[in-house]
Amino acid sequence: MKSIMIVDNEKNVLDEVKKILEKDDFNVITAENSRKAFEIMDTNKEDNISLILINSLIPNTQTPALFSMKPSKKKDIDTTKKDDFLQKPFTREQLMDFVKKKL
């Protein structure tokens, strides 16, 4: 089972995304801020997390989105690629398509 971490300060977003992903048999870890996310990553092996979705803004806009990154690539993060962002609000289908593409 693949694990996905969601980092978002909006509890309703965390809960809804978690519910959607768990229905598709993903293990979901949530963090309400980056500090909590780092604490979780310190106590878990990074290799156990397949994908991280982080509350963010699409570059050069004020559009809220989820930014995707793989923990193993954290040194090579490029936040300029728009295809690494899922604009909010999104549908269940858009979320699942996005996650599957990123995995």
C-alpha atoms as a PDB file:
ATOM      1  CA  MET A   1       0.000   0.000   0.000  1.00  0.00           C
ATOM      2  CA  LYS A   2       1.390   3.400  -0.980  1.00  0.00           C
ATOM      3  CA  SER A   3       1.489   6.205   1.562  1.00  0.00           C
ATOM      4  CA  ILE A   4       0.670   9.811   0.757  1.00  0.00           C
ATOM      5  CA  MET A   5       1.253  12.768   3.062  1.00  0.00           C
ATOM      6  CA  ILE A   6      -1.053  15.774   2.822  1.00  0.00           C
ATOM      7  CA  VAL A   7       0.099  19.095   4.280  1.00  0.00           C
ATOM      8  CA  ASP A   8      -2.637  21.707   4.488  1.00  0.00           C
ATOM      9  CA  ASN A   9      -3.720  24.184   7.157  1.00  0.00           C
ATOM     10  CA  GLU A  10      -7.396  23.736   6.230  1.00  0.00           C
ATOM     11  CA  LYS A  11      -8.810  20.849   8.264  1.00  0.00           C
ATOM     12  CA  ASN A  12     -11.717  20.328   5.851  1.00  0.00           C
ATOM     13  CA  VAL A  13      -9.266  19.891   2.945  1.00  0.00           C
ATOM     14  CA  LEU A  14      -7.177  17.423   4.962  1.00  0.00           C
ATOM     15  CA  ASP A  15     -10.255  15.416   5.925  1.00  0.00           C
ATOM     16  CA  GLU A  16     -11.806  15.362   2.448  1.00  0.00           C
ATOM     17  CA  VAL A  17      -8.603  14.464   0.592  1.00  0.00           C
ATOM     18  CA  LYS A  18      -7.816  11.794   3.185  1.00  0.00           C
ATOM     19  CA  LYS A  19     -11.288  10.265   2.808  1.00  0.00           C
ATOM     20  CA  ILE A  20     -11.009  10.193  -1.006  1.00  0.00           C
ATOM     21  CA  LEU A  21      -7.524   8.647  -1.029  1.00  0.00           C
ATOM     22  CA  GLU A  22      -8.321   6.053   1.637  1.00  0.00           C
ATOM     23  CA  LYS A  23     -11.261   4.841  -0.465  1.00  0.00           C
ATOM     24  CA  ASP A  24      -8.687   4.041  -3.146  1.00  0.00           C
ATOM     25  CA  ASP A  25      -6.564   2.045  -0.677  1.00  0.00           C
ATOM     26  CA  PHE A  26      -3.866   4.612  -0.010  1.00  0.00           C
ATOM     27  CA  ASN A  27      -2.395   5.028   3.448  1.00  0.00           C
ATOM     28  CA  VAL A  28      -2.803   8.737   4.237  1.00  0.00           C
ATOM     29  CA  ILE A  29      -0.748  10.798   6.677  1.00  0.00           C
ATOM     30  CA  THR A  30      -1.919  14.332   7.406  1.00  0.00           C
ATOM     31  CA  ALA A  31      -0.097  17.374   8.743  1.00  0.00           C
ATOM     32  CA  GLU A  32      -1.641  20.757   9.389  1.00  0.00           C
ATOM     33  CA  ASN A  33       1.629  22.636   8.766  1.00  0.00           C
ATOM     34  CA  SER A  34       5.168  22.145   7.492  1.00  0.00           C
ATOM     35  CA  ARG A  35       6.643  21.841  10.985  1.00  0.00           C
ATOM     36  CA  LYS A  36       4.332  18.907  11.758  1.00  0.00           C
ATOM     37  CA  ALA A  37       5.179  17.370   8.366  1.00  0.00           C
ATOM     38  CA  PHE A  38       8.910  17.504   9.163  1.00  0.00           C
ATOM     39  CA  GLU A  39       8.278  15.947  12.586  1.00  0.00           C
ATOM     40  CA  ILE A  40       6.363  13.112  10.949  1.00  0.00           C
ATOM     41  CA  MET A  41       9.107  12.602   8.375  1.00  0.00           C
ATOM     42  CA  ASP A  42      11.719  12.518  11.146  1.00  0.00           C
ATOM     43  CA  THR A  43       9.868   9.724  12.966  1.00  0.00           C
ATOM     44  CA  ASN A  44       8.952   7.756   9.817  1.00  0.00           C
ATOM     45  CA  LYS A  45      11.318   6.547   7.185  1.00  0.00           C
ATOM     46  CA  GLU A  46      11.065   8.862   4.184  1.00  0.00           C
ATOM     47  CA  ASP A  47      11.053   5.808   1.948  1.00  0.00           C
ATOM     48  CA  ASN A  48       7.656   4.869   3.405  1.00  0.00           C
ATOM     49  CA  ILE A  49       6.037   7.970   1.877  1.00  0.00           C
ATOM     50  CA  SER A  50       5.434   7.760  -1.877  1.00  0.00           C
ATOM     51  CA  LEU A  51       4.081  11.256  -2.475  1.00  0.00           C
ATOM     52  CA  ILE A  52       3.577  14.513  -0.574  1.00  0.00           C
ATOM     53  CA  LEU A  53       0.785  16.966  -1.432  1.00  0.00           C
ATOM     54  CA  ILE A  54       1.434  20.436  -0.008  1.00  0.00           C
ATOM     55  CA  ASN A  55      -0.923  23.396   0.218  1.00  0.00           C
ATOM     56  CA  SER A  56       0.569  26.068  -2.021  1.00  0.00           C
ATOM     57  CA  LEU A  57      -0.090  28.727  -4.638  1.00  0.00           C
ATOM     58  CA  ILE A  58       0.427  28.200  -8.355  1.00  0.00           C
ATOM     59  CA  PRO A  59       3.557  30.200  -9.332  1.00  0.00           C
ATOM     60  CA  ASN A  60       2.965  33.813 -10.391  1.00  0.00           C
ATOM     61  CA  THR A  61      -0.678  33.643  -9.303  1.00  0.00           C
ATOM     62  CA  GLN A  62      -2.744  33.798  -6.148  1.00  0.00           C
ATOM     63  CA  THR A  63      -4.485  30.540  -7.100  1.00  0.00           C
ATOM     64  CA  PRO A  64      -4.582  27.964  -4.280  1.00  0.00           C
ATOM     65  CA  ALA A  65      -3.432  24.481  -5.171  1.00  0.00           C
ATOM     66  CA  LEU A  66      -1.813  21.296  -3.950  1.00  0.00           C
ATOM     67  CA  PHE A  67       1.838  20.960  -4.956  1.00  0.00           C
ATOM     68  CA  SER A  68       3.113  17.419  -5.431  1.00  0.00           C
ATOM     69  CA  MET A  69       6.583  16.181  -4.638  1.00  0.00           C
ATOM     70  CA  LYS A  70       8.317  12.889  -4.052  1.00  0.00           C
ATOM     71  CA  PRO A  71      10.311  12.801  -0.810  1.00  0.00           C
ATOM     72  CA  SER A  72      13.260  11.191  -2.566  1.00  0.00           C
ATOM     73  CA  LYS A  73      13.501  14.198  -4.913  1.00  0.00           C
ATOM     74  CA  LYS A  74      13.376  16.937  -2.258  1.00  0.00           C
ATOM     75  CA  LYS A  75      16.770  18.309  -3.288  1.00  0.00           C
ATOM     76  CA  ASP A  76      15.620  18.710  -6.887  1.00  0.00           C
ATOM     77  CA  ILE A  77      12.286  20.444  -6.331  1.00  0.00           C
ATOM     78  CA  ASP A  78      11.193  22.624  -9.233  1.00  0.00           C
ATOM     79  CA  THR A  79       8.161  24.696  -8.295  1.00  0.00           C
ATOM     80  CA  THR A  80       7.873  26.267 -11.742  1.00  0.00           C
ATOM     81  CA  LYS A  81       6.267  23.276 -13.472  1.00  0.00           C
ATOM     82  CA  LYS A  82       2.525  23.898 -13.496  1.00  0.00           C
ATOM     83  CA  ASP A  83       1.777  20.203 -14.010  1.00  0.00           C
ATOM     84  CA  ASP A  84       3.023  19.597 -10.438  1.00  0.00           C
ATOM     85  CA  PHE A  85       0.070  21.623  -9.112  1.00  0.00           C
ATOM     86  CA  LEU A  86      -3.573  20.645  -8.702  1.00  0.00           C
ATOM     87  CA  GLN A  87      -5.699  23.789  -8.585  1.00  0.00           C
ATOM     88  CA  LYS A  88      -8.253  24.081  -5.797  1.00  0.00           C
ATOM     89  CA  PRO A  89     -11.127  23.400  -5.729  1.00  0.00           C
ATOM     90  CA  PHE A  90     -10.870  20.029  -7.451  1.00  0.00           C
ATOM     91  CA  THR A  91     -13.138  17.056  -7.942  1.00  0.00           C
ATOM     92  CA  ARG A  92     -12.552  13.532  -6.661  1.00  0.00           C
ATOM     93  CA  GLU A  93     -11.726  12.450 -10.221  1.00  0.00           C
ATOM     94  CA  GLN A  94      -9.229  15.285 -10.709  1.00  0.00           C
ATOM     95  CA  LEU A  95      -7.512  14.407  -7.429  1.00  0.00           C
ATOM     96  CA  MET A  96      -7.271  10.711  -8.272  1.00  0.00           C
ATOM     97  CA  ASP A  97      -6.005  11.387 -11.812  1.00  0.00           C
ATOM     98  CA  PHE A  98      -3.405  13.795 -10.428  1.00  0.00           C
ATOM     99  CA  VAL A  99      -2.192  11.388  -7.719  1.00  0.00           C
ATOM    100  CA  LYS A 100      -1.979   8.421 -10.081  1.00  0.00           C
ATOM    101  CA  LYS A 101      -0.039  10.475 -12.615  1.00  0.00           C
ATOM    102  CA  LYS A 102       2.411  11.641  -9.946  1.00  0.00           C
ATOM    103  CA  LEU A 103       2.997   8.160  -8.542  1.00  0.00           C
END
